[in-house]
Amino acid sequence: MKLNKEFWKEKYRLEDTPWDAGSATTPITTFIDGLEDKNLKILIPGVGNGHEFEYLYNKGFKNIYALDITEEPLVNIKRKLPELPEKYLILQDFFQLTGSFDLILEQTFFCALAPDLRPLYAKKINEILTQKGQLAGVLFDFPLTESGPPYGGDISEYIRLFEPFFKVKTLERCYNSIKPRKDKEIFIHFYKK
């Protein structure tokens, strides 16, 4: 399965990224602030403009990887963090990625995928997490739509998709969403089974 690189390239070229909040959002920053191990190997798939990546980097996490299918987001990150070694910027289709990570941070990537790719996402996340790996972040909570991105989803769908691979620590509506996303986000924190 491959993602449509040209579609995403055009989105960034036109600056058609309505999901981009302009900074790392509160549910993610609150989670990051609670992480103690700065040596975790962390992946942010579909990193976009890298607000969460930059937040992690500025908090002292140095083993973090930004993955995107198009060059534009990675160029934007490099512009903001010129000292960042290139090896942390991965230009690749998520479904072709190999390697392993302790934590995968989810912020709008899942809900940007066409719904038929979601089972493959859950399986791929499971494959690339270490034995005690974690998936944490935010999924949208609004009815599944025919058009997107973003596409919606709800807790029952997320349980069905992720339960075969993960133990749920947290799966609940965000209490600290930014105003435009209030009552439209679910925070997830899963451990690999």
C-alpha atoms as a PDB file:
ATOM      1  CA  MET A   1       0.000   0.000   0.000  1.00  0.00           C
ATOM      2  CA  LYS A   2       1.340   3.428  -0.906  1.00  0.00           C
ATOM      3  CA  LEU A   3       0.278   6.928   0.009  1.00  0.00           C
ATOM      4  CA  ASN A   4      -0.397   9.532  -2.669  1.00  0.00           C
ATOM      5  CA  LYS A   5       2.760  11.643  -2.581  1.00  0.00           C
ATOM      6  CA  GLU A   6       1.559  14.114  -5.230  1.00  0.00           C
ATOM      7  CA  PHE A   7      -1.652  14.803  -3.306  1.00  0.00           C
ATOM      8  CA  TRP A   8       0.308  15.789  -0.189  1.00  0.00           C
ATOM      9  CA  LYS A   9       2.881  17.755  -2.161  1.00  0.00           C
ATOM     10  CA  GLU A  10       0.080  19.850  -3.644  1.00  0.00           C
ATOM     11  CA  LYS A  11      -1.474  20.418  -0.200  1.00  0.00           C
ATOM     12  CA  TYR A  12       1.785  21.917   1.090  1.00  0.00           C
ATOM     13  CA  ARG A  13       2.441  23.859  -2.116  1.00  0.00           C
ATOM     14  CA  LEU A  14      -0.983  25.522  -1.821  1.00  0.00           C
ATOM     15  CA  GLU A  15      -0.616  25.846   1.966  1.00  0.00           C
ATOM     16  CA  ASP A  16      -3.894  23.931   2.204  1.00  0.00           C
ATOM     17  CA  THR A  17      -3.279  22.505   5.684  1.00  0.00           C
ATOM     18  CA  PRO A  18      -6.353  23.387   7.779  1.00  0.00           C
ATOM     19  CA  TRP A  19      -5.427  20.729  10.373  1.00  0.00           C
ATOM     20  CA  ASP A  20      -2.231  22.642  11.244  1.00  0.00           C
ATOM     21  CA  ALA A  21      -2.864  24.461  14.531  1.00  0.00           C
ATOM     22  CA  GLY A  22       0.308  26.581  14.145  1.00  0.00           C
ATOM     23  CA  SER A  23       1.978  25.099  17.235  1.00  0.00           C
ATOM     24  CA  ALA A  24       2.053  21.917  19.289  1.00  0.00           C
ATOM     25  CA  THR A  25      -1.343  21.598  20.940  1.00  0.00           C
ATOM     26  CA  THR A  26      -2.046  21.212  24.640  1.00  0.00           C
ATOM     27  CA  PRO A  27      -2.980  17.490  24.722  1.00  0.00           C
ATOM     28  CA  ILE A  28       0.360  16.633  23.104  1.00  0.00           C
ATOM     29  CA  THR A  29       2.495  19.074  25.097  1.00  0.00           C
ATOM     30  CA  THR A  30       0.911  17.880  28.359  1.00  0.00           C
ATOM     31  CA  PHE A  31       1.814  14.297  27.460  1.00  0.00           C
ATOM     32  CA  ILE A  32       5.364  15.247  26.438  1.00  0.00           C
ATOM     33  CA  ASP A  33       5.847  17.207  29.655  1.00  0.00           C
ATOM     34  CA  GLY A  34       5.110  13.994  31.573  1.00  0.00           C
ATOM     35  CA  LEU A  35       7.787  11.951  29.774  1.00  0.00           C
ATOM     36  CA  GLU A  36      10.868  11.375  31.907  1.00  0.00           C
ATOM     37  CA  ASP A  37      13.122   9.324  29.632  1.00  0.00           C
ATOM     38  CA  LYS A  38      14.779  11.755  27.219  1.00  0.00           C
ATOM     39  CA  ASN A  39      16.472   8.817  25.449  1.00  0.00           C
ATOM     40  CA  LEU A  40      13.251   7.329  24.082  1.00  0.00           C
ATOM     41  CA  LYS A  41      13.422   6.687  20.356  1.00  0.00           C
ATOM     42  CA  ILE A  42      10.381   8.633  19.135  1.00  0.00           C
ATOM     43  CA  LEU A  43       8.734   8.752  15.709  1.00  0.00           C
ATOM     44  CA  ILE A  44       6.246  11.342  14.519  1.00  0.00           C
ATOM     45  CA  PRO A  45       4.675   9.982  11.314  1.00  0.00           C
ATOM     46  CA  GLY A  46       3.129  12.452   8.900  1.00  0.00           C
ATOM     47  CA  VAL A  47       5.014  15.107  10.842  1.00  0.00           C
ATOM     48  CA  GLY A  48       3.658  18.031   8.818  1.00  0.00           C
ATOM     49  CA  ASN A  49       5.182  21.300   9.903  1.00  0.00           C
ATOM     50  CA  GLY A  50       6.739  19.602  12.899  1.00  0.00           C
ATOM     51  CA  HIS A  51       5.377  21.600  15.810  1.00  0.00           C
ATOM     52  CA  GLU A  52       5.425  18.534  18.084  1.00  0.00           C
ATOM     53  CA  PHE A  53       8.889  17.581  16.818  1.00  0.00           C
ATOM     54  CA  GLU A  54      10.220  21.048  17.609  1.00  0.00           C
ATOM     55  CA  TYR A  55       8.586  20.944  21.061  1.00  0.00           C
ATOM     56  CA  LEU A  56      10.249  17.594  21.844  1.00  0.00           C
ATOM     57  CA  TYR A  57      13.598  18.830  20.543  1.00  0.00           C
ATOM     58  CA  ASN A  58      13.453  21.989  22.655  1.00  0.00           C
ATOM     59  CA  LYS A  59      12.588  19.857  25.715  1.00  0.00           C
ATOM     60  CA  GLY A  60      15.845  17.926  25.323  1.00  0.00           C
ATOM     61  CA  PHE A  61      14.674  14.846  23.419  1.00  0.00           C
ATOM     62  CA  LYS A  62      17.354  14.131  20.816  1.00  0.00           C
ATOM     63  CA  ASN A  63      16.436  10.654  19.556  1.00  0.00           C
ATOM     64  CA  ILE A  64      13.350  11.825  17.641  1.00  0.00           C
ATOM     65  CA  TYR A  65      12.480  11.151  14.031  1.00  0.00           C
ATOM     66  CA  ALA A  66      10.232  13.158  11.727  1.00  0.00           C
ATOM     67  CA  LEU A  67       8.671  11.187   8.879  1.00  0.00           C
ATOM     68  CA  ASP A  68       6.761  12.601   5.945  1.00  0.00           C
ATOM     69  CA  ILE A  69       6.023  11.533   2.406  1.00  0.00           C
ATOM     70  CA  THR A  70       6.874  14.940   0.942  1.00  0.00           C
ATOM     71  CA  GLU A  71       9.946  17.089   1.276  1.00  0.00           C
ATOM     72  CA  GLU A  72       8.254  20.393   2.149  1.00  0.00           C
ATOM     73  CA  PRO A  73       7.476  19.608   5.815  1.00  0.00           C
ATOM     74  CA  LEU A  74      10.980  18.273   6.419  1.00  0.00           C
ATOM     75  CA  VAL A  75      12.507  21.372   4.817  1.00  0.00           C
ATOM     76  CA  ASN A  76      10.367  23.511   7.144  1.00  0.00           C
ATOM     77  CA  ILE A  77      11.654  21.602  10.190  1.00  0.00           C
ATOM     78  CA  LYS A  78      15.260  21.941   9.033  1.00  0.00           C
ATOM     79  CA  ARG A  79      14.722  25.671   8.554  1.00  0.00           C
ATOM     80  CA  LYS A  80      13.507  25.982  12.162  1.00  0.00           C
ATOM     81  CA  LEU A  81      16.213  23.662  13.550  1.00  0.00           C
ATOM     82  CA  PRO A  82      19.260  24.136  11.286  1.00  0.00           C
ATOM     83  CA  GLU A  83      21.555  22.261  13.702  1.00  0.00           C
ATOM     84  CA  LEU A  84      19.408  19.115  13.464  1.00  0.00           C
ATOM     85  CA  PRO A  85      21.275  16.192  11.852  1.00  0.00           C
ATOM     86  CA  GLU A  86      19.639  15.051   8.584  1.00  0.00           C
ATOM     87  CA  LYS A  87      19.324  11.462   9.848  1.00  0.00           C
ATOM     88  CA  TYR A  88      16.355  12.514  11.994  1.00  0.00           C
ATOM     89  CA  LEU A  89      14.349  13.633   8.951  1.00  0.00           C
ATOM     90  CA  ILE A  90      12.884  10.694   7.036  1.00  0.00           C
ATOM     91  CA  LEU A  91      11.417  11.265   3.570  1.00  0.00           C
ATOM     92  CA  GLN A  92       9.416   8.088   3.030  1.00  0.00           C
ATOM     93  CA  ASP A  93       5.998   6.513   2.757  1.00  0.00           C
ATOM     94  CA  PHE A  94       4.961   5.468   6.279  1.00  0.00           C
ATOM     95  CA  PHE A  95       3.844   2.042   5.061  1.00  0.00           C
ATOM     96  CA  GLN A  96       7.329   1.356   3.661  1.00  0.00           C
ATOM     97  CA  LEU A  97       9.139   2.338   6.891  1.00  0.00           C
ATOM     98  CA  THR A  98      11.359  -0.157   8.678  1.00  0.00           C
ATOM     99  CA  GLY A  99      13.086   0.101  12.038  1.00  0.00           C
ATOM    100  CA  SER A 100      11.743   0.246  15.560  1.00  0.00           C
ATOM    101  CA  PHE A 101      10.680   2.959  17.978  1.00  0.00           C
ATOM    102  CA  ASP A 102       9.879   3.190  21.685  1.00  0.00           C
ATOM    103  CA  LEU A 103       7.125   5.763  21.193  1.00  0.00           C
ATOM    104  CA  ILE A 104       5.083   6.857  18.212  1.00  0.00           C
ATOM    105  CA  LEU A 105       3.453  10.233  18.644  1.00  0.00           C
ATOM    106  CA  GLU A 106       0.199  10.651  16.729  1.00  0.00           C
ATOM    107  CA  GLN A 107      -1.040  14.096  15.756  1.00  0.00           C
ATOM    108  CA  THR A 108      -3.447  14.295  12.782  1.00  0.00           C
ATOM    109  CA  PHE A 109      -1.647  11.653  10.673  1.00  0.00           C
ATOM    110  CA  PHE A 110      -4.131   8.849  11.340  1.00  0.00           C
ATOM    111  CA  CYS A 111      -7.157  11.037  10.580  1.00  0.00           C
ATOM    112  CA  ALA A 112      -5.529  12.249   7.368  1.00  0.00           C
ATOM    113  CA  LEU A 113      -5.397   8.684   6.056  1.00  0.00           C
ATOM    114  CA  ALA A 114      -8.272   7.416   3.950  1.00  0.00           C
ATOM    115  CA  PRO A 115     -10.397   5.149   6.179  1.00  0.00           C
ATOM    116  CA  ASP A 116      -9.503   2.014   4.181  1.00  0.00           C
ATOM    117  CA  LEU A 117      -5.858   2.493   5.228  1.00  0.00           C
ATOM    118  CA  ARG A 118      -6.614   2.560   8.949  1.00  0.00           C
ATOM    119  CA  PRO A 119      -6.342  -1.195   9.602  1.00  0.00           C
ATOM    120  CA  LEU A 120      -2.964  -1.131   7.838  1.00  0.00           C
ATOM    121  CA  TYR A 121      -1.908   1.820  10.028  1.00  0.00           C
ATOM    122  CA  ALA A 122      -2.704  -0.092  13.244  1.00  0.00           C
ATOM    123  CA  LYS A 123      -0.797  -3.124  11.987  1.00  0.00           C
ATOM    124  CA  LYS A 124       2.198  -1.038  10.841  1.00  0.00           C
ATOM    125  CA  ILE A 125       2.393   0.837  14.158  1.00  0.00           C
ATOM    126  CA  ASN A 126       2.468  -2.515  15.934  1.00  0.00           C
ATOM    127  CA  GLU A 127       5.256  -3.748  13.625  1.00  0.00           C
ATOM    128  CA  ILE A 128       7.568  -0.782  14.186  1.00  0.00           C
ATOM    129  CA  LEU A 129       7.137  -0.430  17.943  1.00  0.00           C
ATOM    130  CA  THR A 130       9.639  -2.083  20.275  1.00  0.00           C
ATOM    131  CA  GLN A 131       8.408  -4.853  22.591  1.00  0.00           C
ATOM    132  CA  LYS A 132       7.291  -2.360  25.256  1.00  0.00           C
ATOM    133  CA  GLY A 133       6.492   0.373  22.745  1.00  0.00           C
ATOM    134  CA  GLN A 134       3.775   2.975  23.079  1.00  0.00           C
ATOM    135  CA  LEU A 135       1.441   4.861  20.764  1.00  0.00           C
ATOM    136  CA  ALA A 136       0.173   8.157  22.144  1.00  0.00           C
ATOM    137  CA  GLY A 137      -1.496  11.249  20.780  1.00  0.00           C
ATOM    138  CA  VAL A 138      -4.698  12.679  19.457  1.00  0.00           C
ATOM    139  CA  LEU A 139      -7.356  11.314  17.112  1.00  0.00           C
ATOM    140  CA  PHE A 140     -10.337  13.314  15.892  1.00  0.00           C
ATOM    141  CA  ASP A 141     -13.761  12.654  17.358  1.00  0.00           C
ATOM    142  CA  PHE A 142     -16.426  13.525  14.807  1.00  0.00           C
ATOM    143  CA  PRO A 143     -18.484  11.420  12.404  1.00  0.00           C
ATOM    144  CA  LEU A 144     -16.528   9.595   9.753  1.00  0.00           C
ATOM    145  CA  THR A 145     -16.763  11.524   6.491  1.00  0.00           C
ATOM    146  CA  GLU A 146     -16.575  10.483   2.846  1.00  0.00           C
ATOM    147  CA  SER A 147     -14.232  13.335   2.036  1.00  0.00           C
ATOM    148  CA  GLY A 148     -11.160  14.592   3.781  1.00  0.00           C
ATOM    149  CA  PRO A 149      -8.600  15.005   5.087  1.00  0.00           C
ATOM    150  CA  PRO A 150      -9.219  15.061   7.907  1.00  0.00           C
ATOM    151  CA  TYR A 151     -11.598  12.159   8.142  1.00  0.00           C
ATOM    152  CA  GLY A 152     -13.423  11.632  11.383  1.00  0.00           C
ATOM    153  CA  GLY A 153     -13.864   8.656  13.627  1.00  0.00           C
ATOM    154  CA  ASP A 154     -15.035   7.688  17.080  1.00  0.00           C
ATOM    155  CA  ILE A 155     -14.029   5.683  20.123  1.00  0.00           C
ATOM    156  CA  SER A 156     -15.840   2.509  19.042  1.00  0.00           C
ATOM    157  CA  GLU A 157     -13.984   2.492  15.705  1.00  0.00           C
ATOM    158  CA  TYR A 158     -10.665   3.120  17.436  1.00  0.00           C
ATOM    159  CA  ILE A 159     -11.235   0.269  19.893  1.00  0.00           C
ATOM    160  CA  ARG A 160     -12.055  -2.094  17.024  1.00  0.00           C
ATOM    161  CA  LEU A 161      -8.923  -1.089  15.073  1.00  0.00           C
ATOM    162  CA  PHE A 162      -6.375  -0.977  17.860  1.00  0.00           C
ATOM    163  CA  GLU A 163      -7.539  -3.622  20.358  1.00  0.00           C
ATOM    164  CA  PRO A 164      -5.950  -6.568  18.487  1.00  0.00           C
ATOM    165  CA  PHE A 165      -2.502  -4.977  18.858  1.00  0.00           C
ATOM    166  CA  PHE A 166      -2.578  -2.759  21.950  1.00  0.00           C
ATOM    167  CA  LYS A 167      -3.480  -2.523  25.621  1.00  0.00           C
ATOM    168  CA  VAL A 168      -5.370   0.682  26.308  1.00  0.00           C
ATOM    169  CA  LYS A 169      -4.017   2.955  29.008  1.00  0.00           C
ATOM    170  CA  THR A 170      -6.003   6.019  27.902  1.00  0.00           C
ATOM    171  CA  LEU A 171      -8.780   6.410  25.325  1.00  0.00           C
ATOM    172  CA  GLU A 172     -10.934   9.386  26.232  1.00  0.00           C
ATOM    173  CA  ARG A 173     -12.080  12.762  25.039  1.00  0.00           C
ATOM    174  CA  CYS A 174      -9.406  15.424  25.514  1.00  0.00           C
ATOM    175  CA  TYR A 175     -10.075  17.719  28.441  1.00  0.00           C
ATOM    176  CA  ASN A 176      -7.485  20.255  27.282  1.00  0.00           C
ATOM    177  CA  SER A 177      -8.052  20.693  23.547  1.00  0.00           C
ATOM    178  CA  ILE A 178      -7.399  24.040  21.942  1.00  0.00           C
ATOM    179  CA  LYS A 179     -10.594  26.046  21.431  1.00  0.00           C
ATOM    180  CA  PRO A 180     -11.222  25.199  17.729  1.00  0.00           C
ATOM    181  CA  ARG A 181     -10.926  21.474  18.538  1.00  0.00           C
ATOM    182  CA  LYS A 182     -12.868  21.418  21.810  1.00  0.00           C
ATOM    183  CA  ASP A 183     -15.044  18.266  22.053  1.00  0.00           C
ATOM    184  CA  LYS A 184     -13.552  16.991  18.762  1.00  0.00           C
ATOM    185  CA  GLU A 185     -10.442  15.165  19.993  1.00  0.00           C
ATOM    186  CA  ILE A 186      -9.703  11.883  21.729  1.00  0.00           C
ATOM    187  CA  PHE A 187      -6.442  11.299  23.546  1.00  0.00           C
ATOM    188  CA  ILE A 188      -4.961   7.842  23.138  1.00  0.00           C
ATOM    189  CA  HIS A 189      -2.147   6.152  25.025  1.00  0.00           C
ATOM    190  CA  PHE A 190      -1.659   2.507  24.113  1.00  0.00           C
ATOM    191  CA  TYR A 191       0.973  -0.110  24.940  1.00  0.00           C
ATOM    192  CA  LYS A 192       1.953  -2.811  22.481  1.00  0.00           C
ATOM    193  CA  LYS A 193       0.557  -6.219  23.487  1.00  0.00           C
END
